[in-house]
Amino acid sequence: MGRSALCDLRVPGDPRLSRVHFRVSVQEPDALTIRDGTGGRNPLFCNGERVDGSVRLHDAARLAAGRTRFRIRPPAADEEGTVFPGEDGFPGEEAPGSSAVGTLSEGALTFDARTLAGVAVTRPDRRFEAVARLPEVLRTRDDARRLPALCGLLLAGVQDADAVAVVSLASDEAPGGVRLRSWSTRNELVGPPQVPDDLVTAALTTGEAILTPAAGGWAFVVPIADPDRRGPAERGLLTLGSGASGRTERAADVRFVSLVAEIVAAADRSGRLERQAAALRPFLPPRVLEALGDTPDQAALDPAECTASVLFCDLRGFSRTSEELSADLPALLARVSAALSVMTHRIREAGGVTGDFLGDAALAFWGWPNSDPQAPLRAATAAVRIAADFAARGPADGGDPLAGFRVGVGVATGPAVAGRIGTEEQAKITVFGPTANLASRLEGLCGPLRVPVVCDAATADAVLAAKTTDEGGRLRVRPLGTVRPAKMSRAERVSELLPPHGPPPEGSPLTDEDLARYAEAVAAFTAGDWPRAAEVLQDHPAFDLAQDFLRVRLAEGHRTAPPGWDGVIRVDEK
C-alpha cells in the first residue's frame, strides 16, 4: 500500500504516504503480517503503537499511515478478506468506503503522467504499427467513421484485449450514466462490451488512467484529456481483457493507449482551433490572428478599452440601384457583396479588423487587440485606397458590378472599447464608443463637404506627423474647416485625406499648391475674414468640388461673417 501506481492498494491523495508505505501478506489462514515498507523513515502505527519492522495480526486492528486510516477485520463466513478505508475515509472524501479514484475493486492501479513515463514499452513492433496508422484515422473528421477505426487500431495494439470502446460521461443533453460512443471486439458475435460505470466515472473525473480487475479479467480506462477544458474529461478509451497476465504487461498497455489518447486529444484541439480561426479569418487579418496566438476564442477576445482608429464606409448611389433592381434581389445582393469585398480587401490589406456590415456599409477598426501607434495611418491608407478603387469604375451601364457606386468614408481616432461585444447568445468582434459614432458622422459629412474621405483632427495630426516616413509620405491632408456634425454637440476640426498628386484614381489632380491655397481660404473663413477667403478661392481649380461648400456659405452671408461668428459650421444633415 502507498502512493505508487505499482501498489495493489493506491492512495494518491495523501502526500504524507510513502510510495510503498507498508506491505500486507497472508502467511497463515487466520493471521496477517504488516511490514513497514519505509525502513522506519516514515512511521506506521497499528492500534496506536508504532510498527518497528513488522507486526502479526490475528484480530481486528486499526492502522495509521500518513493522514490515512485503515480498519482491518476478520472476514465473515460468506465473504473474502478485504482491505478498505476505515471510518475516517481517505482525505477529502465525504463517506467511508470511497477513495480518490472512486469505489473500485481491490487492487486498482492509478497512473499519472509521471508514472507512465517510467513504464517500459513491450511489444514495440506491434504497437508502432498501430500508431503509424493513427494519422490516417484522425484525418477523418466524421466521428461515425473515425471512432470505430480508432477502436480497431487500439485492439490491434493491445494484443491481450478482448474489446476496446470509446466512452463518455452523461451530459445534460444525454443523461443516464456512462455512454458507449463506439466499440470493437475480437468476436463481433458477442455484441457490445459490458461497461464498468464506476471505473469510467473515476478515470474521467480524476483525469488519470486506472487499471482494475474486472469480472473474469481486467479493465482499464484512459481519459482523453483536453488541456483547454476544466473539470472531468469528456471522453475516454476503455480496454477490457479476460486473460490473466502480469502487471508489467498491463502497465505497458496503459502506456500505449495513453499515448494514443494524447495524440487524439492534440488532434481534436488542433481541429477545434482551426475551426475557430476559420470562423474569425473573415473578420481578423493575419496580423491580429497571429497576435491572439493559439487560443483565439479565449480571454484575448474579451472587450477592452483601447485607442482605436475607426473607419466607416458607406455606398453612394445604393438607393437608386436598389430601386432599379428591386425585381432582381439576387443581382442587387451580388453588386452589394462585390462592393463590400472591395472595402474588406483594403481593410485587411492595411491590417484592420472588419467589425460589422450594416447593409451597404462596413465598419472597421485598428488598435486592437494590441495597441498600434500606426493605427491612424493604417486606417487613413485603407480609406484613401477604398475611395480610389470605386473612383476607378466606369459608368453604370458598363457591366461592372461596382459601376455607378461611389463611397463616403469617415475616419476617427480616439478612446473606444473593442473585442467580442454582444450577448451570451450572439456576439461579434467589433468596436463601440464615441469614436465609432464620430466615424459614422464624419462619413455623413462626405456629401455636404463634396469629398470622398473625411477624418477628424486626431487622425489628420497623426498622418501629418508621419509625413517623414515612407508610408506617411504617400498621403496628404487638406483642412476643410470646423464643423458640428448632425446630432452632436461637440464641434470637430475635419480634414480630407488624399493620395499623392498624380493621375486619378491612384493620384489626385490637386497639387500641393492647390491644397495650400485651399487651406489658406479655410483659415480665413474660420477666422471670420470672409472677403479674404472669397479672394483666395478665385484662383482655385474649378474641378475641385470641395470649394462649393465654402462658396455657398460665403454667398449666403454676402462674404460677411455673421455677428458672433465662432468659426464653426453647423451641418444639420448627416
Foldseek 3Di string as FASTA:
>chain_A
DFCALPDQDHAVVFPLTDRQQWDWDDPDDQKIKIAGPPCPPFWKDKQRHTDHGIDMDRAWIWIDGRPFIWTAGDDDPPDDGDTFGDQVDHPPDDGGCAGLLGNADGRKGWDDPVNLVPADAPPVVQLVVLVVCLVVLLVDPDCVRSQQSNFVSLCSSQVQFFKKFKKFAADPVGHDQIDTSYMDGPDPVVPDDDDPRSQQVSCQQNQIKMKDADVQGIKIKHALDAPVDDGGGGMIMITTGRDDDDPSSVSNSVSSRNVSSPVSNVSVLVVVLVVVCVVQPLFFAPVQVVVCPSCVPDPLQPKDKWWKKKKKKAKPPLVVVCVVCVVPVVLSVVLLVVLVVLLSVLQNVLRWGFFDDDPSMTMIMDQPPHGDLCRLLSNLRSQLSSQQVLVPADDPPPPDSSHPMGMAMFIEIGIWIFGWDDDPVDTTTHIDDPRNVVRVQQSQCCVLLVHRYKYFPVSQVSLVVCCVPPSSVQKDKAWLFWEATAPHPDITGMIGIAGDCDDGDNHDVDHPVLRVLQNVLLVCVLVFQQVVSVVSCVPHDPVRPSCVSVVVVCVVVVSGDDPPRNRYHYDNTD
